[in-house]
Amino acid sequence: QVQLVESGGGLVQPGGSLRLSCAASGFTFSTYYMSWVRQAPGKGPEWVSAINTGGGSTRYADSVKGRFTISRDNAKNTLYLQMNSLKPEDTALYYCARGGDPIGVMTSRDYWGQGTQVTVSS
C-alpha cells in the first residue's frame, strides 16, 4: 500500500547539483518522519538524511552535511533532497524511505521506494 516513487537522478559532473524528489502515497505522509538512504554497488545501505513531520528539524550523515538539504512539502506529499557540490563518492542508488531513525529505516525496506540512480563522474 505504501508507495514511494523517486525521481531526479542522473549523471552529473563533480561539483554539480541535482534535486531528487519522492512522491508518496498510501499513507498519511504528513504524520511520518522521512529519510533518504543510498546504496552504492557492492556496499551496504547508508542513511543519508532525515526530516521530521513538519519539516522544521533535519539531520544529516557527516558525509553529506553542508552539501545536501532535505525538505518536504506535505501539501504535495513530496520529499526532496537537494544535492550540491556532488562528489564521485556520492554515486549510488538513492532511496526515499518512511521513517526517521537510521537503523529502523535500513531494516524496513518495505517502506523504501524503488530508488533513483545518481552518478557523479567527469
N, C-alpha and C. Protein backbone atom coordinates (compact mmCIF):
# COMPACT_ATOMS: atom_id res chain seq x y z
N GLN A 1 0.82 -1.21 0.00
CA GLN A 1 0.00 0.00 0.00
C GLN A 1 0.86 1.27 0.00
N VAL A 2 1.90 1.26 0.81
CA VAL A 2 2.82 2.39 0.83
C VAL A 2 3.54 2.45 -0.51
N GLN A 3 3.51 3.61 -1.13
CA GLN A 3 4.17 3.82 -2.40
C GLN A 3 5.07 5.04 -2.31
N LEU A 4 6.32 4.85 -2.70
CA LEU A 4 7.31 5.91 -2.71
C LEU A 4 8.02 5.85 -4.06
N VAL A 5 7.94 6.91 -4.82
CA VAL A 5 8.49 6.93 -6.17
C VAL A 5 9.50 8.04 -6.28
N GLU A 6 10.77 7.66 -6.41
CA GLU A 6 11.85 8.62 -6.51
C GLU A 6 12.05 9.05 -7.96
N SER A 7 12.53 10.27 -8.13
CA SER A 7 12.87 10.77 -9.45
C SER A 7 13.93 11.85 -9.30
N GLY A 8 14.54 12.21 -10.40
CA GLY A 8 15.50 13.29 -10.41
C GLY A 8 16.95 12.88 -10.51
N GLY A 9 17.21 11.60 -10.46
CA GLY A 9 18.59 11.14 -10.56
C GLY A 9 19.12 11.30 -11.97
N GLY A 10 20.41 11.09 -12.11
CA GLY A 10 21.03 11.20 -13.40
C GLY A 10 22.53 11.26 -13.29
N LEU A 11 23.16 11.60 -14.40
CA LEU A 11 24.60 11.73 -14.47
C LEU A 11 24.97 13.20 -14.32
N VAL A 12 25.88 13.47 -13.41
CA VAL A 12 26.30 14.84 -13.16
C VAL A 12 27.80 14.87 -12.92
N GLN A 13 28.43 15.97 -13.29
CA GLN A 13 29.86 16.13 -13.08
C GLN A 13 30.17 16.46 -11.62
N PRO A 14 31.36 16.11 -11.16
CA PRO A 14 31.75 16.53 -9.80
C PRO A 14 31.58 18.03 -9.62
N GLY A 15 31.05 18.40 -8.48
CA GLY A 15 30.76 19.80 -8.20
C GLY A 15 29.38 20.24 -8.63
N GLY A 16 28.69 19.41 -9.37
CA GLY A 16 27.37 19.74 -9.84
C GLY A 16 26.29 19.51 -8.81
N SER A 17 25.05 19.73 -9.23
CA SER A 17 23.91 19.62 -8.34
C SER A 17 22.79 18.81 -8.97
N LEU A 18 22.01 18.19 -8.12
CA LEU A 18 20.79 17.50 -8.51
C LEU A 18 19.77 17.67 -7.41
N ARG A 19 18.51 17.65 -7.77
CA ARG A 19 17.45 17.62 -6.77
C ARG A 19 16.61 16.37 -6.99
N LEU A 20 16.58 15.53 -5.99
CA LEU A 20 15.76 14.34 -6.03
C LEU A 20 14.39 14.63 -5.43
N SER A 21 13.39 13.97 -5.98
CA SER A 21 12.04 14.08 -5.46
C SER A 21 11.51 12.69 -5.14
N CYS A 22 10.60 12.63 -4.20
CA CYS A 22 9.96 11.38 -3.81
C CYS A 22 8.48 11.65 -3.64
N ALA A 23 7.69 11.05 -4.49
CA ALA A 23 6.24 11.18 -4.41
C ALA A 23 5.68 10.05 -3.56
N ALA A 24 4.99 10.40 -2.50
CA ALA A 24 4.48 9.42 -1.54
C ALA A 24 2.97 9.28 -1.65
N SER A 25 2.51 8.05 -1.43
CA SER A 25 1.08 7.79 -1.39
C SER A 25 0.83 6.53 -0.58
N GLY A 26 -0.43 6.30 -0.23
CA GLY A 26 -0.79 5.10 0.51
C GLY A 26 -0.67 5.23 2.01
N PHE A 27 -0.32 6.39 2.49
CA PHE A 27 -0.24 6.65 3.93
C PHE A 27 -0.34 8.15 4.15
N THR A 28 -0.54 8.52 5.40
CA THR A 28 -0.65 9.93 5.73
C THR A 28 0.75 10.51 5.85
N PHE A 29 1.22 11.03 4.75
CA PHE A 29 2.61 11.49 4.63
C PHE A 29 3.00 12.46 5.73
N SER A 30 2.12 13.39 6.03
CA SER A 30 2.46 14.46 6.96
C SER A 30 2.67 13.99 8.40
N THR A 31 2.30 12.77 8.72
CA THR A 31 2.45 12.26 10.08
C THR A 31 3.70 11.40 10.27
N TYR A 32 4.52 11.28 9.25
CA TYR A 32 5.71 10.45 9.34
C TYR A 32 6.99 11.23 9.10
N TYR A 33 7.99 10.91 9.92
CA TYR A 33 9.35 11.31 9.59
C TYR A 33 9.72 10.61 8.27
N MET A 34 10.60 11.21 7.53
CA MET A 34 11.05 10.63 6.27
C MET A 34 12.57 10.69 6.18
N SER A 35 13.12 9.80 5.38
CA SER A 35 14.57 9.72 5.23
C SER A 35 14.97 9.49 3.79
N TRP A 36 16.23 9.76 3.53
CA TRP A 36 16.88 9.31 2.30
C TRP A 36 17.99 8.33 2.68
N VAL A 37 18.06 7.27 1.93
CA VAL A 37 19.08 6.25 2.08
C VAL A 37 19.73 6.03 0.73
N ARG A 38 21.01 5.73 0.71
CA ARG A 38 21.67 5.44 -0.56
C ARG A 38 22.47 4.15 -0.44
N GLN A 39 22.68 3.53 -1.59
CA GLN A 39 23.44 2.29 -1.62
C GLN A 39 24.27 2.24 -2.89
N ALA A 40 25.56 2.16 -2.73
CA ALA A 40 26.47 2.01 -3.85
C ALA A 40 26.63 0.54 -4.17
N PRO A 41 26.96 0.20 -5.41
CA PRO A 41 27.12 -1.21 -5.78
C PRO A 41 28.12 -1.92 -4.89
N GLY A 42 27.74 -3.09 -4.39
CA GLY A 42 28.62 -3.88 -3.55
C GLY A 42 28.75 -3.40 -2.12
N LYS A 43 28.04 -2.37 -1.76
CA LYS A 43 28.11 -1.84 -0.41
C LYS A 43 26.75 -1.90 0.27
N GLY A 44 26.78 -1.80 1.57
CA GLY A 44 25.54 -1.77 2.32
C GLY A 44 24.88 -0.41 2.24
N PRO A 45 23.63 -0.34 2.66
CA PRO A 45 22.93 0.94 2.62
C PRO A 45 23.53 1.94 3.60
N GLU A 46 23.47 3.18 3.22
CA GLU A 46 23.95 4.27 4.06
C GLU A 46 22.83 5.27 4.26
N TRP A 47 22.47 5.49 5.50
CA TRP A 47 21.50 6.52 5.80
C TRP A 47 22.09 7.88 5.48
N VAL A 48 21.33 8.71 4.81
CA VAL A 48 21.81 10.00 4.33
C VAL A 48 21.25 11.16 5.13
N SER A 49 19.94 11.16 5.32
CA SER A 49 19.30 12.31 5.94
C SER A 49 17.91 11.94 6.42
N ALA A 50 17.40 12.71 7.37
CA ALA A 50 16.05 12.52 7.88
C ALA A 50 15.42 13.86 8.17
N ILE A 51 14.11 13.88 8.14
CA ILE A 51 13.36 15.10 8.38
C ILE A 51 12.13 14.77 9.20
N ASN A 52 11.77 15.65 10.10
CA ASN A 52 10.61 15.41 10.94
C ASN A 52 9.32 15.70 10.17
N THR A 53 8.20 15.50 10.85
CA THR A 53 6.92 15.58 10.16
C THR A 53 6.64 16.95 9.56
N GLY A 54 6.95 17.99 10.31
CA GLY A 54 6.67 19.33 9.84
C GLY A 54 7.75 19.93 8.96
N GLY A 55 8.91 19.30 8.92
CA GLY A 55 9.99 19.79 8.09
C GLY A 55 10.92 20.77 8.77
N GLY A 56 10.68 21.05 10.05
CA GLY A 56 11.49 22.03 10.73
C GLY A 56 12.75 21.50 11.40
N SER A 57 12.91 20.18 11.42
CA SER A 57 14.08 19.57 12.03
C SER A 57 14.68 18.57 11.07
N THR A 58 15.95 18.70 10.81
CA THR A 58 16.63 17.81 9.86
C THR A 58 17.93 17.30 10.44
N ARG A 59 18.36 16.14 9.96
CA ARG A 59 19.63 15.54 10.35
C ARG A 59 20.30 14.97 9.12
N TYR A 60 21.63 14.95 9.15
CA TYR A 60 22.41 14.50 8.00
C TYR A 60 23.57 13.63 8.43
N ALA A 61 23.90 12.69 7.57
CA ALA A 61 25.14 11.96 7.74
C ALA A 61 26.31 12.92 7.56
N ASP A 62 27.39 12.66 8.29
CA ASP A 62 28.55 13.54 8.19
C ASP A 62 29.07 13.66 6.76
N SER A 63 28.92 12.61 5.99
CA SER A 63 29.44 12.60 4.64
C SER A 63 28.75 13.59 3.70
N VAL A 64 27.54 14.02 4.06
CA VAL A 64 26.80 14.92 3.18
C VAL A 64 26.47 16.25 3.84
N LYS A 65 26.76 16.39 5.10
CA LYS A 65 26.43 17.60 5.84
C LYS A 65 27.07 18.82 5.19
N GLY A 66 26.27 19.85 5.01
CA GLY A 66 26.75 21.07 4.38
C GLY A 66 26.60 21.09 2.88
N ARG A 67 26.32 19.93 2.29
CA ARG A 67 26.16 19.84 0.84
C ARG A 67 24.75 19.47 0.42
N PHE A 68 24.09 18.65 1.24
CA PHE A 68 22.74 18.19 0.92
C PHE A 68 21.73 18.87 1.82
N THR A 69 20.53 19.06 1.31
CA THR A 69 19.44 19.62 2.08
C THR A 69 18.18 18.80 1.86
N ILE A 70 17.63 18.27 2.93
CA ILE A 70 16.37 17.54 2.85
C ILE A 70 15.22 18.50 3.15
N SER A 71 14.13 18.32 2.46
CA SER A 71 12.95 19.15 2.69
C SER A 71 11.71 18.35 2.31
N ARG A 72 10.56 18.89 2.64
CA ARG A 72 9.32 18.21 2.30
C ARG A 72 8.22 19.22 2.06
N ASP A 73 7.27 18.82 1.26
CA ASP A 73 6.07 19.61 1.01
C ASP A 73 4.90 18.70 1.33
N ASN A 74 4.37 18.84 2.53
CA ASN A 74 3.31 17.94 2.96
C ASN A 74 2.03 18.11 2.14
N ALA A 75 1.79 19.30 1.62
CA ALA A 75 0.62 19.52 0.80
C ALA A 75 0.69 18.75 -0.50
N LYS A 76 1.90 18.45 -0.95
CA LYS A 76 2.10 17.70 -2.18
C LYS A 76 2.54 16.26 -1.94
N ASN A 77 2.61 15.85 -0.68
CA ASN A 77 3.08 14.51 -0.33
C ASN A 77 4.42 14.19 -1.01
N THR A 78 5.32 15.14 -0.93
CA THR A 78 6.59 15.00 -1.64
C THR A 78 7.76 15.31 -0.74
N LEU A 79 8.78 14.48 -0.83
CA LEU A 79 10.05 14.65 -0.13
C LEU A 79 11.11 15.03 -1.15
N TYR A 80 12.05 15.87 -0.75
CA TYR A 80 13.09 16.32 -1.65
C TYR A 80 14.47 16.13 -1.03
N LEU A 81 15.46 16.01 -1.89
CA LEU A 81 16.85 16.05 -1.46
C LEU A 81 17.62 16.89 -2.46
N GLN A 82 18.01 18.07 -2.03
CA GLN A 82 18.84 18.94 -2.85
C GLN A 82 20.29 18.57 -2.60
N MET A 83 20.99 18.20 -3.65
CA MET A 83 22.37 17.75 -3.54
C MET A 83 23.27 18.71 -4.30
N ASN A 84 24.14 19.37 -3.58
CA ASN A 84 25.09 20.31 -4.16
C ASN A 84 26.51 19.81 -3.97
N SER A 85 27.42 20.39 -4.71
CA SER A 85 28.85 20.05 -4.60
C SER A 85 29.05 18.54 -4.63
N LEU A 86 28.44 17.90 -5.59
CA LEU A 86 28.46 16.45 -5.65
C LEU A 86 29.87 15.91 -5.90
N LYS A 87 30.15 14.79 -5.28
CA LYS A 87 31.43 14.11 -5.37
C LYS A 87 31.24 12.73 -5.96
N PRO A 88 32.28 12.16 -6.56
CA PRO A 88 32.15 10.81 -7.10
C PRO A 88 31.67 9.80 -6.06
N GLU A 89 32.06 9.97 -4.81
CA GLU A 89 31.64 9.05 -3.77
C GLU A 89 30.16 9.16 -3.42
N ASP A 90 29.48 10.15 -3.98
CA ASP A 90 28.03 10.24 -3.82
C ASP A 90 27.29 9.33 -4.78
N THR A 91 28.00 8.73 -5.72
CA THR A 91 27.38 7.83 -6.68
C THR A 91 26.72 6.66 -5.97
N ALA A 92 25.43 6.50 -6.20
CA ALA A 92 24.67 5.46 -5.52
C ALA A 92 23.25 5.46 -6.04
N LEU A 93 22.52 4.43 -5.66
CA LEU A 93 21.09 4.40 -5.85
C LEU A 93 20.47 5.04 -4.62
N TYR A 94 19.70 6.07 -4.82
CA TYR A 94 19.12 6.83 -3.72
C TYR A 94 17.67 6.44 -3.52
N TYR A 95 17.34 6.11 -2.29
CA TYR A 95 16.00 5.68 -1.92
C TYR A 95 15.35 6.66 -0.97
N CYS A 96 14.10 6.92 -1.20
CA CYS A 96 13.23 7.59 -0.25
C CYS A 96 12.69 6.53 0.70
N ALA A 97 12.61 6.85 1.98
CA ALA A 97 12.17 5.87 2.96
C ALA A 97 11.28 6.51 4.01
N ARG A 98 10.27 5.78 4.43
CA ARG A 98 9.41 6.25 5.51
C ARG A 98 10.05 5.95 6.84
N GLY A 99 10.15 6.96 7.69
CA GLY A 99 10.77 6.82 8.98
C GLY A 99 11.96 7.74 9.11
N GLY A 100 12.38 7.98 10.35
CA GLY A 100 13.47 8.90 10.59
C GLY A 100 14.67 8.32 11.32
N ASP A 101 14.51 7.16 11.93
CA ASP A 101 15.61 6.52 12.64
C ASP A 101 16.46 5.74 11.66
N PRO A 102 17.78 5.98 11.60
CA PRO A 102 18.61 5.29 10.61
C PRO A 102 18.52 3.77 10.66
N ILE A 103 18.58 3.19 11.85
CA ILE A 103 18.52 1.74 11.94
C ILE A 103 17.15 1.23 11.54
N GLY A 104 16.11 1.88 12.03
CA GLY A 104 14.77 1.47 11.68
C GLY A 104 14.51 1.56 10.19
N VAL A 105 15.00 2.62 9.59
CA VAL A 105 14.80 2.80 8.16
C VAL A 105 15.53 1.72 7.36
N MET A 106 16.76 1.44 7.72
CA MET A 106 17.55 0.49 6.95
C MET A 106 17.13 -0.96 7.15
N THR A 107 16.35 -1.22 8.18
CA THR A 107 15.84 -2.58 8.41
C THR A 107 14.39 -2.72 8.01
N SER A 108 13.83 -1.72 7.36
CA SER A 108 12.43 -1.73 6.96
C SER A 108 12.32 -1.39 5.48
N ARG A 109 12.90 -2.23 4.66
CA ARG A 109 12.95 -1.94 3.23
C ARG A 109 11.58 -1.95 2.57
N ASP A 110 10.58 -2.53 3.24
CA ASP A 110 9.22 -2.47 2.72
C ASP A 110 8.74 -1.04 2.57
N TYR A 111 9.38 -0.13 3.28
CA TYR A 111 8.99 1.27 3.25
C TYR A 111 10.00 2.15 2.53
N TRP A 112 10.74 1.55 1.61
CA TRP A 112 11.60 2.27 0.68
C TRP A 112 10.91 2.34 -0.67
N GLY A 113 11.32 3.32 -1.46
CA GLY A 113 10.90 3.35 -2.84
C GLY A 113 11.78 2.44 -3.68
N GLN A 114 11.67 2.59 -4.99
CA GLN A 114 12.45 1.77 -5.91
C GLN A 114 13.84 2.33 -6.16
N GLY A 115 14.04 3.59 -5.85
CA GLY A 115 15.34 4.20 -5.99
C GLY A 115 15.52 4.96 -7.30
N THR A 116 16.39 5.94 -7.26
CA THR A 116 16.80 6.66 -8.45
C THR A 116 18.32 6.75 -8.47
N GLN A 117 18.91 6.49 -9.61
CA GLN A 117 20.35 6.40 -9.72
C GLN A 117 20.99 7.77 -9.84
N VAL A 118 21.98 8.01 -9.03
CA VAL A 118 22.80 9.22 -9.11
C VAL A 118 24.22 8.79 -9.43
N THR A 119 24.75 9.30 -10.52
CA THR A 119 26.12 9.00 -10.91
C THR A 119 26.89 10.30 -11.04
N VAL A 120 27.97 10.42 -10.29
CA VAL A 120 28.80 11.61 -10.31
C VAL A 120 30.13 11.24 -10.95
N SER A 121 30.35 11.74 -12.14
CA SER A 121 31.54 11.36 -12.89
C SER A 121 31.83 12.42 -13.94
N SER A 122 33.11 12.60 -14.21
CA SER A 122 33.52 13.52 -15.26
C SER A 122 33.73 12.79 -16.58
